């Protein structure tokens, strides 16, 4: 049966050149480039951003110290100004469109969007150490990135919370050595870490104090006051750096059949192109180390690659139509 006029209009209204999943720095940066390239773009921006607990972001040229929410608000307004559609909804499924080239993106609200290309920019989540006080002070005086927050706590007594997870051990050693650049008073709370002689030699060279023993809790009284160990000792600290486990919000990439590498992150080239034709990824969902400015740049690079891919397809179709 032929589609009704109303059904055709609905289908046209839900058809996009690119659907971007994620409305953070990577997704909005990509949307800005693509809308300026005169592509029809929808940005689905459901979910809380990873940096929502942080009051300010740093290291972003011309935006240093801006609250993360203000960057997103300004970016969304720019995208909308070029005709991009911002959808406050969540994607619950994405799959290849068997009836046409492209993809079907299903939203929690019931809409199904048709997309020629998809960019996944859903970020990651931080799995925090299960130490009382960490979650309560996360993003305030419990921090994870010296480059993001080290300057703000410079010259204060700083701590690093260790642990027994193999990945966290390597990151804790790295962060501990870095922090000496911002403060002469750095303490590593080993919390079960096994340190090598090389680790200890490097800590000694950087003036780092190592406190052995299990950490019981962070002492919080209005703000962070220090660290209490299981044996009752307490060490005052103004800020604590932790090394969360980074877990990509990559369920859609899995559903779309994208390949992952040996470390558990999706395989993508320098533009964010994944192993599935038509699917790109940008920001923390593919690069856990990317700061906001890096994620924004990755979104821009992905957008240019996507537009180029669409131009190639459009050109090929026109050539075929003329032959």
C-alpha atoms as a PDB file:
ATOM      1  CA  UNK A   1       0.000   0.000   0.000  1.00  0.00           C
ATOM      2  CA  UNK A   2       1.359   3.435  -0.918  1.00  0.00           C
ATOM      3  CA  UNK A   3       2.332   5.666   1.975  1.00  0.00           C
ATOM      4  CA  UNK A   4      -0.064   8.485   2.773  1.00  0.00           C
ATOM      5  CA  UNK A   5       1.023  12.098   2.347  1.00  0.00           C
ATOM      6  CA  UNK A   6       1.157  12.473   6.136  1.00  0.00           C
ATOM      7  CA  UNK A   7       3.367   9.377   6.454  1.00  0.00           C
ATOM      8  CA  UNK A   8       5.741  10.698   3.794  1.00  0.00           C
ATOM      9  CA  UNK A   9       6.030  14.030   5.596  1.00  0.00           C
ATOM     10  CA  UNK A  10       6.769  12.278   8.908  1.00  0.00           C
ATOM     11  CA  UNK A  11       9.411  10.126   7.218  1.00  0.00           C
ATOM     12  CA  UNK A  12      11.045  13.179   5.647  1.00  0.00           C
ATOM     13  CA  UNK A  13      11.013  15.024   8.952  1.00  0.00           C
ATOM     14  CA  UNK A  14      12.806  12.143  10.656  1.00  0.00           C
ATOM     15  CA  UNK A  15      15.457  11.707   7.941  1.00  0.00           C
ATOM     16  CA  UNK A  16      18.877  13.247   8.591  1.00  0.00           C
ATOM     17  CA  UNK A  17      22.267  13.322   6.990  1.00  0.00           C
ATOM     18  CA  UNK A  18      23.831  12.750  10.399  1.00  0.00           C
ATOM     19  CA  UNK A  19      22.456  11.794  13.800  1.00  0.00           C
ATOM     20  CA  UNK A  20      24.839  12.647  16.613  1.00  0.00           C
ATOM     21  CA  UNK A  21      24.352  10.816  19.893  1.00  0.00           C
ATOM     22  CA  UNK A  22      25.742  12.915  22.721  1.00  0.00           C
ATOM     23  CA  UNK A  23      25.484  16.651  23.340  1.00  0.00           C
ATOM     24  CA  UNK A  24      28.826  17.374  24.980  1.00  0.00           C
ATOM     25  CA  UNK A  25      31.890  19.087  23.545  1.00  0.00           C
ATOM     26  CA  UNK A  26      32.568  16.402  20.921  1.00  0.00           C
ATOM     27  CA  UNK A  27      28.984  16.050  19.723  1.00  0.00           C
ATOM     28  CA  UNK A  28      28.230  19.775  19.586  1.00  0.00           C
ATOM     29  CA  UNK A  29      31.533  20.599  17.906  1.00  0.00           C
ATOM     30  CA  UNK A  30      30.744  18.028  15.222  1.00  0.00           C
ATOM     31  CA  UNK A  31      27.228  19.374  14.842  1.00  0.00           C
ATOM     32  CA  UNK A  32      28.515  22.919  14.383  1.00  0.00           C
ATOM     33  CA  UNK A  33      30.844  21.886  11.567  1.00  0.00           C
ATOM     34  CA  UNK A  34      28.180  19.757   9.872  1.00  0.00           C
ATOM     35  CA  UNK A  35      25.397  22.339  10.075  1.00  0.00           C
ATOM     36  CA  UNK A  36      27.745  24.943   8.611  1.00  0.00           C
ATOM     37  CA  UNK A  37      28.383  22.414   5.821  1.00  0.00           C
ATOM     38  CA  UNK A  38      24.607  22.578   5.215  1.00  0.00           C
ATOM     39  CA  UNK A  39      23.910  19.067   6.446  1.00  0.00           C
ATOM     40  CA  UNK A  40      20.679  18.145   8.179  1.00  0.00           C
ATOM     41  CA  UNK A  41      21.765  17.173  11.681  1.00  0.00           C
ATOM     42  CA  UNK A  42      20.041  15.983  14.834  1.00  0.00           C
ATOM     43  CA  UNK A  43      21.854  15.939  18.165  1.00  0.00           C
ATOM     44  CA  UNK A  44      20.318  13.614  20.754  1.00  0.00           C
ATOM     45  CA  UNK A  45      21.589  14.928  24.039  1.00  0.00           C
ATOM     46  CA  UNK A  46      19.965  12.899  26.801  1.00  0.00           C
ATOM     47  CA  UNK A  47      21.889  11.980  29.940  1.00  0.00           C
ATOM     48  CA  UNK A  48      24.048  13.965  32.364  1.00  0.00           C
ATOM     49  CA  UNK A  49      27.525  14.976  31.151  1.00  0.00           C
ATOM     50  CA  UNK A  50      30.527  13.377  32.805  1.00  0.00           C
ATOM     51  CA  UNK A  51      31.894  16.718  34.053  1.00  0.00           C
ATOM     52  CA  UNK A  52      28.584  17.866  35.571  1.00  0.00           C
ATOM     53  CA  UNK A  53      30.016  17.759  39.152  1.00  0.00           C
ATOM     54  CA  UNK A  54      32.855  20.133  38.205  1.00  0.00           C
ATOM     55  CA  UNK A  55      32.332  23.844  38.776  1.00  0.00           C
ATOM     56  CA  UNK A  56      34.836  24.922  36.149  1.00  0.00           C
ATOM     57  CA  UNK A  57      36.807  23.503  33.239  1.00  0.00           C
ATOM     58  CA  UNK A  58      40.386  24.424  32.458  1.00  0.00           C
ATOM     59  CA  UNK A  59      42.888  24.226  29.650  1.00  0.00           C
ATOM     60  CA  UNK A  60      40.347  25.242  26.985  1.00  0.00           C
ATOM     61  CA  UNK A  61      41.834  28.233  25.172  1.00  0.00           C
ATOM     62  CA  UNK A  62      39.603  31.330  25.549  1.00  0.00           C
ATOM     63  CA  UNK A  63      37.223  29.399  27.844  1.00  0.00           C
ATOM     64  CA  UNK A  64      39.478  28.672  30.819  1.00  0.00           C
ATOM     65  CA  UNK A  65      37.476  28.690  34.044  1.00  0.00           C
ATOM     66  CA  UNK A  66      34.091  28.504  32.321  1.00  0.00           C
ATOM     67  CA  UNK A  67      31.509  26.232  33.984  1.00  0.00           C
ATOM     68  CA  UNK A  68      31.096  23.149  31.760  1.00  0.00           C
ATOM     69  CA  UNK A  69      27.354  23.706  31.527  1.00  0.00           C
ATOM     70  CA  UNK A  70      27.894  27.177  30.080  1.00  0.00           C
ATOM     71  CA  UNK A  71      30.035  25.758  27.276  1.00  0.00           C
ATOM     72  CA  UNK A  72      27.320  23.249  26.394  1.00  0.00           C
ATOM     73  CA  UNK A  73      24.624  25.942  26.495  1.00  0.00           C
ATOM     74  CA  UNK A  74      26.614  28.255  24.228  1.00  0.00           C
ATOM     75  CA  UNK A  75      27.500  25.430  21.855  1.00  0.00           C
ATOM     76  CA  UNK A  76      23.907  24.259  21.601  1.00  0.00           C
ATOM     77  CA  UNK A  77      22.775  27.800  20.758  1.00  0.00           C
ATOM     78  CA  UNK A  78      25.377  28.001  17.979  1.00  0.00           C
ATOM     79  CA  UNK A  79      24.269  24.680  16.512  1.00  0.00           C
ATOM     80  CA  UNK A  80      20.613  25.682  16.652  1.00  0.00           C
ATOM     81  CA  UNK A  81      21.499  28.968  14.971  1.00  0.00           C
ATOM     82  CA  UNK A  82      22.666  27.041  11.902  1.00  0.00           C
ATOM     83  CA  UNK A  83      19.555  24.871  11.824  1.00  0.00           C
ATOM     84  CA  UNK A  84      20.726  21.878  13.839  1.00  0.00           C
ATOM     85  CA  UNK A  85      18.014  20.054  15.787  1.00  0.00           C
ATOM     86  CA  UNK A  86      18.630  19.434  19.472  1.00  0.00           C
ATOM     87  CA  UNK A  87      16.586  16.584  20.885  1.00  0.00           C
ATOM     88  CA  UNK A  88      16.317  16.160  24.646  1.00  0.00           C
ATOM     89  CA  UNK A  89      15.792  12.426  24.514  1.00  0.00           C
ATOM     90  CA  UNK A  90      17.821   9.234  24.847  1.00  0.00           C
ATOM     91  CA  UNK A  91      18.791   6.720  22.198  1.00  0.00           C
ATOM     92  CA  UNK A  92      17.739   3.223  23.182  1.00  0.00           C
ATOM     93  CA  UNK A  93      18.768   1.446  19.976  1.00  0.00           C
ATOM     94  CA  UNK A  94      20.629   1.967  16.725  1.00  0.00           C
ATOM     95  CA  UNK A  95      20.802  -0.456  13.827  1.00  0.00           C
ATOM     96  CA  UNK A  96      21.418  -0.645  10.102  1.00  0.00           C
ATOM     97  CA  UNK A  97      18.401   0.300   8.016  1.00  0.00           C
ATOM     98  CA  UNK A  98      17.657  -2.837   6.016  1.00  0.00           C
ATOM     99  CA  UNK A  99      15.310  -0.915   3.722  1.00  0.00           C
ATOM    100  CA  UNK A 100      17.867   1.696   2.687  1.00  0.00           C
ATOM    101  CA  UNK A 101      21.488   2.638   3.125  1.00  0.00           C
ATOM    102  CA  UNK A 102      21.964   4.171   6.544  1.00  0.00           C
ATOM    103  CA  UNK A 103      20.712   3.620  10.058  1.00  0.00           C
ATOM    104  CA  UNK A 104      17.628   3.657  12.241  1.00  0.00           C
ATOM    105  CA  UNK A 105      17.997   5.382  15.600  1.00  0.00           C
ATOM    106  CA  UNK A 106      15.241   4.685  18.127  1.00  0.00           C
ATOM    107  CA  UNK A 107      14.579   7.218  20.883  1.00  0.00           C
ATOM    108  CA  UNK A 108      13.098   6.545  24.308  1.00  0.00           C
ATOM    109  CA  UNK A 109      10.276   8.925  23.449  1.00  0.00           C
ATOM    110  CA  UNK A 110       9.197   6.740  20.541  1.00  0.00           C
ATOM    111  CA  UNK A 111      10.633   8.535  17.522  1.00  0.00           C
ATOM    112  CA  UNK A 112      12.730   6.603  15.029  1.00  0.00           C
ATOM    113  CA  UNK A 113      15.285   8.716  13.180  1.00  0.00           C
ATOM    114  CA  UNK A 114      16.764   7.750   9.833  1.00  0.00           C
ATOM    115  CA  UNK A 115      20.424   8.679   9.458  1.00  0.00           C
ATOM    116  CA  UNK A 116      22.839   8.358   6.582  1.00  0.00           C
ATOM    117  CA  UNK A 117      25.688   8.527   9.068  1.00  0.00           C
ATOM    118  CA  UNK A 118      25.970   8.244  12.857  1.00  0.00           C
ATOM    119  CA  UNK A 119      28.436   9.871  15.227  1.00  0.00           C
ATOM    120  CA  UNK A 120      28.576   8.388  18.729  1.00  0.00           C
ATOM    121  CA  UNK A 121      29.846  10.899  21.293  1.00  0.00           C
ATOM    122  CA  UNK A 122      28.393   9.430  24.466  1.00  0.00           C
ATOM    123  CA  UNK A 123      31.508   9.793  26.617  1.00  0.00           C
ATOM    124  CA  UNK A 124      32.408   7.566  29.544  1.00  0.00           C
ATOM    125  CA  UNK A 125      31.584   7.075  33.189  1.00  0.00           C
ATOM    126  CA  UNK A 126      33.993   7.149  36.098  1.00  0.00           C
ATOM    127  CA  UNK A 127      33.877   4.153  38.421  1.00  0.00           C
ATOM    128  CA  UNK A 128      35.122   5.652  41.676  1.00  0.00           C
ATOM    129  CA  UNK A 129      36.980   3.873  44.484  1.00  0.00           C
ATOM    130  CA  UNK A 130      34.624   2.530  47.144  1.00  0.00           C
ATOM    131  CA  UNK A 131      36.045   4.699  49.898  1.00  0.00           C
ATOM    132  CA  UNK A 132      33.603   6.686  52.032  1.00  0.00           C
ATOM    133  CA  UNK A 133      33.799  10.375  51.179  1.00  0.00           C
ATOM    134  CA  UNK A 134      35.088   9.979  47.624  1.00  0.00           C
ATOM    135  CA  UNK A 135      31.749  10.167  45.869  1.00  0.00           C
ATOM    136  CA  UNK A 136      30.472  12.943  48.116  1.00  0.00           C
ATOM    137  CA  UNK A 137      33.397  15.237  47.289  1.00  0.00           C
ATOM    138  CA  UNK A 138      33.920  14.137  43.659  1.00  0.00           C
ATOM    139  CA  UNK A 139      34.601  17.105  41.386  1.00  0.00           C
ATOM    140  CA  UNK A 140      35.136  19.457  44.344  1.00  0.00           C
ATOM    141  CA  UNK A 141      38.236  18.513  46.324  1.00  0.00           C
ATOM    142  CA  UNK A 142      38.369  14.883  45.181  1.00  0.00           C
ATOM    143  CA  UNK A 143      39.856  15.142  41.720  1.00  0.00           C
ATOM    144  CA  UNK A 144      41.449  12.989  39.031  1.00  0.00           C
ATOM    145  CA  UNK A 145      43.325  15.178  36.517  1.00  0.00           C
ATOM    146  CA  UNK A 146      46.299  17.357  37.524  1.00  0.00           C
ATOM    147  CA  UNK A 147      46.100  19.267  34.257  1.00  0.00           C
ATOM    148  CA  UNK A 148      42.435  20.054  34.867  1.00  0.00           C
ATOM    149  CA  UNK A 149      42.646  20.943  38.556  1.00  0.00           C
ATOM    150  CA  UNK A 150      46.276  21.041  39.715  1.00  0.00           C
ATOM    151  CA  UNK A 151      46.654  24.804  39.440  1.00  0.00           C
ATOM    152  CA  UNK A 152      43.604  25.427  41.594  1.00  0.00           C
ATOM    153  CA  UNK A 153      45.107  23.423  44.485  1.00  0.00           C
ATOM    154  CA  UNK A 154      48.718  24.538  43.946  1.00  0.00           C
ATOM    155  CA  UNK A 155      51.034  24.752  46.956  1.00  0.00           C
ATOM    156  CA  UNK A 156      48.517  22.935  49.168  1.00  0.00           C
ATOM    157  CA  UNK A 157      48.946  19.542  50.862  1.00  0.00           C
ATOM    158  CA  UNK A 158      47.784  17.034  48.258  1.00  0.00           C
ATOM    159  CA  UNK A 159      47.144  13.318  48.406  1.00  0.00           C
ATOM    160  CA  UNK A 160      46.798  10.484  45.926  1.00  0.00           C
ATOM    161  CA  UNK A 161      44.597   7.512  46.756  1.00  0.00           C
ATOM    162  CA  UNK A 162      46.169   4.241  45.693  1.00  0.00           C
ATOM    163  CA  UNK A 163      44.576   0.815  45.393  1.00  0.00           C
ATOM    164  CA  UNK A 164      45.085  -2.731  44.241  1.00  0.00           C
ATOM    165  CA  UNK A 165      43.555  -2.611  40.755  1.00  0.00           C
ATOM    166  CA  UNK A 166      46.445  -3.126  38.257  1.00  0.00           C
ATOM    167  CA  UNK A 167      45.325  -0.326  35.959  1.00  0.00           C
ATOM    168  CA  UNK A 168      44.754   2.055  38.854  1.00  0.00           C
ATOM    169  CA  UNK A 169      48.235   1.360  40.246  1.00  0.00           C
ATOM    170  CA  UNK A 170      49.947   2.557  37.080  1.00  0.00           C
ATOM    171  CA  UNK A 171      47.750   5.651  36.902  1.00  0.00           C
ATOM    172  CA  UNK A 172      48.288   6.429  40.593  1.00  0.00           C
ATOM    173  CA  UNK A 173      52.065   6.311  40.174  1.00  0.00           C
ATOM    174  CA  UNK A 174      51.820   8.578  37.136  1.00  0.00           C
ATOM    175  CA  UNK A 175      49.556  11.124  38.852  1.00  0.00           C
ATOM    176  CA  UNK A 176      51.677  11.117  42.015  1.00  0.00           C
ATOM    177  CA  UNK A 177      54.819  11.995  40.075  1.00  0.00           C
ATOM    178  CA  UNK A 178      53.008  14.706  38.130  1.00  0.00           C
ATOM    179  CA  UNK A 179      51.606  16.450  41.200  1.00  0.00           C
ATOM    180  CA  UNK A 180      55.036  17.541  42.351  1.00  0.00           C
ATOM    181  CA  UNK A 181      54.817  20.136  39.601  1.00  0.00           C
ATOM    182  CA  UNK A 182      51.997  21.878  41.486  1.00  0.00           C
ATOM    183  CA  UNK A 183      52.835  21.271  45.150  1.00  0.00           C
ATOM    184  CA  UNK A 184      55.908  20.424  47.235  1.00  0.00           C
ATOM    185  CA  UNK A 185      53.686  18.494  49.675  1.00  0.00           C
ATOM    186  CA  UNK A 186      52.401  15.316  48.017  1.00  0.00           C
ATOM    187  CA  UNK A 187      51.465  12.128  49.884  1.00  0.00           C
ATOM    188  CA  UNK A 188      50.618   8.813  48.273  1.00  0.00           C
ATOM    189  CA  UNK A 189      48.237   6.693  50.348  1.00  0.00           C
ATOM    190  CA  UNK A 190      49.268   3.228  49.170  1.00  0.00           C
ATOM    191  CA  UNK A 191      46.015   1.556  50.269  1.00  0.00           C
ATOM    192  CA  UNK A 192      47.314  -1.905  49.371  1.00  0.00           C
ATOM    193  CA  UNK A 193      49.456  -0.895  46.380  1.00  0.00           C
ATOM    194  CA  UNK A 194      52.559  -2.908  45.680  1.00  0.00           C
ATOM    195  CA  UNK A 195      55.315  -0.445  44.856  1.00  0.00           C
ATOM    196  CA  UNK A 196      58.532  -1.358  43.100  1.00  0.00           C
ATOM    197  CA  UNK A 197      61.936  -0.138  44.198  1.00  0.00           C
ATOM    198  CA  UNK A 198      61.971   2.048  41.092  1.00  0.00           C
ATOM    199  CA  UNK A 199      58.646   3.589  42.131  1.00  0.00           C
ATOM    200  CA  UNK A 200      59.989   4.369  45.580  1.00  0.00           C
ATOM    201  CA  UNK A 201      63.212   5.825  44.199  1.00  0.00           C
ATOM    202  CA  UNK A 202      61.285   8.147  41.894  1.00  0.00           C
ATOM    203  CA  UNK A 203      58.961   9.195  44.705  1.00  0.00           C
ATOM    204  CA  UNK A 204      61.944   9.979  46.930  1.00  0.00           C
ATOM    205  CA  UNK A 205      63.503  12.036  44.156  1.00  0.00           C
ATOM    206  CA  UNK A 206      60.286  14.047  43.841  1.00  0.00           C
ATOM    207  CA  UNK A 207      59.864  14.469  47.604  1.00  0.00           C
ATOM    208  CA  UNK A 208      56.732  12.306  47.736  1.00  0.00           C
ATOM    209  CA  UNK A 209      55.782  10.784  51.097  1.00  0.00           C
ATOM    210  CA  UNK A 210      54.317   7.273  50.996  1.00  0.00           C
ATOM    211  CA  UNK A 211      51.829   6.300  53.707  1.00  0.00           C
ATOM    212  CA  UNK A 212      51.270   2.557  53.963  1.00  0.00           C
ATOM    213  CA  UNK A 213      48.087   0.959  55.250  1.00  0.00           C
ATOM    214  CA  UNK A 214      44.455   0.641  54.274  1.00  0.00           C
ATOM    215  CA  UNK A 215      42.450   3.819  53.843  1.00  0.00           C
ATOM    216  CA  UNK A 216      39.227   3.739  55.891  1.00  0.00           C
ATOM    217  CA  UNK A 217      37.619   6.967  54.727  1.00  0.00           C
ATOM    218  CA  UNK A 218      38.089  10.556  53.717  1.00  0.00           C
ATOM    219  CA  UNK A 219      37.538  12.988  56.559  1.00  0.00           C
ATOM    220  CA  UNK A 220      34.880  15.455  55.459  1.00  0.00           C
ATOM    221  CA  UNK A 221      33.631  18.359  57.535  1.00  0.00           C
ATOM    222  CA  UNK A 222      32.077  20.914  55.228  1.00  0.00           C
ATOM    223  CA  UNK A 223      34.939  20.169  52.861  1.00  0.00           C
ATOM    224  CA  UNK A 224      37.759  17.645  52.705  1.00  0.00           C
ATOM    225  CA  UNK A 225      39.943  17.658  55.787  1.00  0.00           C
ATOM    226  CA  UNK A 226      42.128  14.623  55.253  1.00  0.00           C
ATOM    227  CA  UNK A 227      42.441  10.855  55.104  1.00  0.00           C
ATOM    228  CA  UNK A 228      41.778   8.414  57.924  1.00  0.00           C
ATOM    229  CA  UNK A 229      43.448   5.009  57.852  1.00  0.00           C
ATOM    230  CA  UNK A 230      42.083   1.751  59.204  1.00  0.00           C
ATOM    231  CA  UNK A 231      44.505   1.853  62.148  1.00  0.00           C
ATOM    232  CA  UNK A 232      43.118   5.227  63.242  1.00  0.00           C
ATOM    233  CA  UNK A 233      45.874   7.467  61.863  1.00  0.00           C
ATOM    234  CA  UNK A 234      44.688  10.666  60.170  1.00  0.00           C
ATOM    235  CA  UNK A 235      46.644  12.745  57.667  1.00  0.00           C
ATOM    236  CA  UNK A 236      45.406  16.192  56.777  1.00  0.00           C
ATOM    237  CA  UNK A 237      45.059  16.981  53.063  1.00  0.00           C
ATOM    238  CA  UNK A 238      43.425  19.826  51.138  1.00  0.00           C
ATOM    239  CA  UNK A 239      42.656  17.762  48.040  1.00  0.00           C
ATOM    240  CA  UNK A 240      42.818  14.106  47.052  1.00  0.00           C
ATOM    241  CA  UNK A 241      43.451  12.780  43.561  1.00  0.00           C
ATOM    242  CA  UNK A 242      41.934   9.429  42.685  1.00  0.00           C
ATOM    243  CA  UNK A 243      42.294   7.202  39.638  1.00  0.00           C
ATOM    244  CA  UNK A 244      38.830   6.033  38.612  1.00  0.00           C
ATOM    245  CA  UNK A 245      38.249   3.178  36.241  1.00  0.00           C
ATOM    246  CA  UNK A 246      37.109   4.613  32.915  1.00  0.00           C
ATOM    247  CA  UNK A 247      34.197   2.751  31.338  1.00  0.00           C
ATOM    248  CA  UNK A 248      33.044   3.867  27.906  1.00  0.00           C
ATOM    249  CA  UNK A 249      29.345   4.472  27.309  1.00  0.00           C
ATOM    250  CA  UNK A 250      29.721   2.287  24.244  1.00  0.00           C
ATOM    251  CA  UNK A 251      26.540   0.218  24.212  1.00  0.00           C
ATOM    252  CA  UNK A 252      25.441   1.697  20.884  1.00  0.00           C
ATOM    253  CA  UNK A 253      28.823   0.981  19.318  1.00  0.00           C
ATOM    254  CA  UNK A 254      28.475  -2.615  20.455  1.00  0.00           C
ATOM    255  CA  UNK A 255      24.935  -2.817  19.080  1.00  0.00           C
ATOM    256  CA  UNK A 256      26.139  -1.491  15.729  1.00  0.00           C
ATOM    257  CA  UNK A 257      28.832  -4.181  15.539  1.00  0.00           C
ATOM    258  CA  UNK A 258      31.936  -2.004  15.923  1.00  0.00           C
ATOM    259  CA  UNK A 259      35.238  -3.719  16.658  1.00  0.00           C
ATOM    260  CA  UNK A 260      37.014  -3.142  19.967  1.00  0.00           C
ATOM    261  CA  UNK A 261      40.735  -3.336  20.669  1.00  0.00           C
ATOM    262  CA  UNK A 262      42.532  -5.435  23.290  1.00  0.00           C
ATOM    263  CA  UNK A 263      42.127  -2.696  25.905  1.00  0.00           C
ATOM    264  CA  UNK A 264      38.344  -2.671  25.561  1.00  0.00           C
ATOM    265  CA  UNK A 265      37.970   0.572  23.620  1.00  0.00           C
ATOM    266  CA  UNK A 266      36.424   0.842  20.173  1.00  0.00           C
ATOM    267  CA  UNK A 267      38.801   0.790  17.207  1.00  0.00           C
ATOM    268  CA  UNK A 268      38.738   4.084  15.312  1.00  0.00           C
ATOM    269  CA  UNK A 269      41.093   5.950  13.009  1.00  0.00           C
ATOM    270  CA  UNK A 270      42.300   9.486  13.657  1.00  0.00           C
ATOM    271  CA  UNK A 271      39.017  10.926  12.343  1.00  0.00           C
ATOM    272  CA  UNK A 272      36.895   8.642  14.536  1.00  0.00           C
ATOM    273  CA  UNK A 273      35.872   6.295  11.723  1.00  0.00           C
ATOM    274  CA  UNK A 274      35.045   2.868  13.196  1.00  0.00           C
ATOM    275  CA  UNK A 275      35.131  -0.570  11.584  1.00  0.00           C
ATOM    276  CA  UNK A 276      31.441  -0.212  10.595  1.00  0.00           C
ATOM    277  CA  UNK A 277      30.922   1.900   7.468  1.00  0.00           C
ATOM    278  CA  UNK A 278      28.970   5.013   8.289  1.00  0.00           C
ATOM    279  CA  UNK A 279      29.670   4.957  12.035  1.00  0.00           C
ATOM    280  CA  UNK A 280      32.059   7.399  13.706  1.00  0.00           C
ATOM    281  CA  UNK A 281      32.983   7.897  17.366  1.00  0.00           C
ATOM    282  CA  UNK A 282      34.524  10.941  19.056  1.00  0.00           C
ATOM    283  CA  UNK A 283      35.449  12.144  22.518  1.00  0.00           C
ATOM    284  CA  UNK A 284      35.790  10.079  25.673  1.00  0.00           C
ATOM    285  CA  UNK A 285      33.786   7.133  24.302  1.00  0.00           C
ATOM    286  CA  UNK A 286      36.820   6.347  22.131  1.00  0.00           C
ATOM    287  CA  UNK A 287      39.597   8.287  23.908  1.00  0.00           C
ATOM    288  CA  UNK A 288      39.383   8.146  27.730  1.00  0.00           C
ATOM    289  CA  UNK A 289      42.274  10.604  28.124  1.00  0.00           C
ATOM    290  CA  UNK A 290      40.691  13.374  26.037  1.00  0.00           C
ATOM    291  CA  UNK A 291      40.133  16.648  27.884  1.00  0.00           C
ATOM    292  CA  UNK A 292      37.258  18.892  26.833  1.00  0.00           C
ATOM    293  CA  UNK A 293      39.306  20.789  24.270  1.00  0.00           C
ATOM    294  CA  UNK A 294      40.631  17.542  22.780  1.00  0.00           C
ATOM    295  CA  UNK A 295      37.126  16.084  22.612  1.00  0.00           C
ATOM    296  CA  UNK A 296      35.891  19.205  20.829  1.00  0.00           C
ATOM    297  CA  UNK A 297      38.719  18.904  18.302  1.00  0.00           C
ATOM    298  CA  UNK A 298      37.932  15.226  17.770  1.00  0.00           C
ATOM    299  CA  UNK A 299      34.309  16.098  17.077  1.00  0.00           C
ATOM    300  CA  UNK A 300      35.390  18.662  14.506  1.00  0.00           C
ATOM    301  CA  UNK A 301      37.723  16.177  12.784  1.00  0.00           C
ATOM    302  CA  UNK A 302      34.988  13.537  12.698  1.00  0.00           C
ATOM    303  CA  UNK A 303      32.518  16.015  11.214  1.00  0.00           C
ATOM    304  CA  UNK A 304      34.828  16.923   8.366  1.00  0.00           C
ATOM    305  CA  UNK A 305      35.462  13.249   7.627  1.00  0.00           C
ATOM    306  CA  UNK A 306      31.726  12.493   7.702  1.00  0.00           C
ATOM    307  CA  UNK A 307      30.908  15.379   5.366  1.00  0.00           C
ATOM    308  CA  UNK A 308      33.645  14.269   2.992  1.00  0.00           C
ATOM    309  CA  UNK A 309      32.244  10.748   3.035  1.00  0.00           C
ATOM    310  CA  UNK A 310      28.765  12.054   2.251  1.00  0.00           C
ATOM    311  CA  UNK A 311      30.086  14.244  -0.568  1.00  0.00           C
ATOM    312  CA  UNK A 312      31.791  11.197  -2.097  1.00  0.00           C
ATOM    313  CA  UNK A 313      28.552   9.216  -1.862  1.00  0.00           C
ATOM    314  CA  UNK A 314      26.454  12.043  -3.292  1.00  0.00           C
ATOM    315  CA  UNK A 315      28.883  12.442  -6.181  1.00  0.00           C
ATOM    316  CA  UNK A 316      28.887   8.724  -6.917  1.00  0.00           C
ATOM    317  CA  UNK A 317      25.083   8.623  -6.968  1.00  0.00           C
ATOM    318  CA  UNK A 318      24.937  11.562  -9.353  1.00  0.00           C
ATOM    319  CA  UNK A 319      27.466   9.965 -11.666  1.00  0.00           C
ATOM    320  CA  UNK A 320      25.467   6.736 -11.646  1.00  0.00           C
ATOM    321  CA  UNK A 321      22.253   8.630 -12.366  1.00  0.00           C
ATOM    322  CA  UNK A 322      23.830  10.302 -15.420  1.00  0.00           C
ATOM    323  CA  UNK A 323      25.136   7.082 -16.932  1.00  0.00           C
END
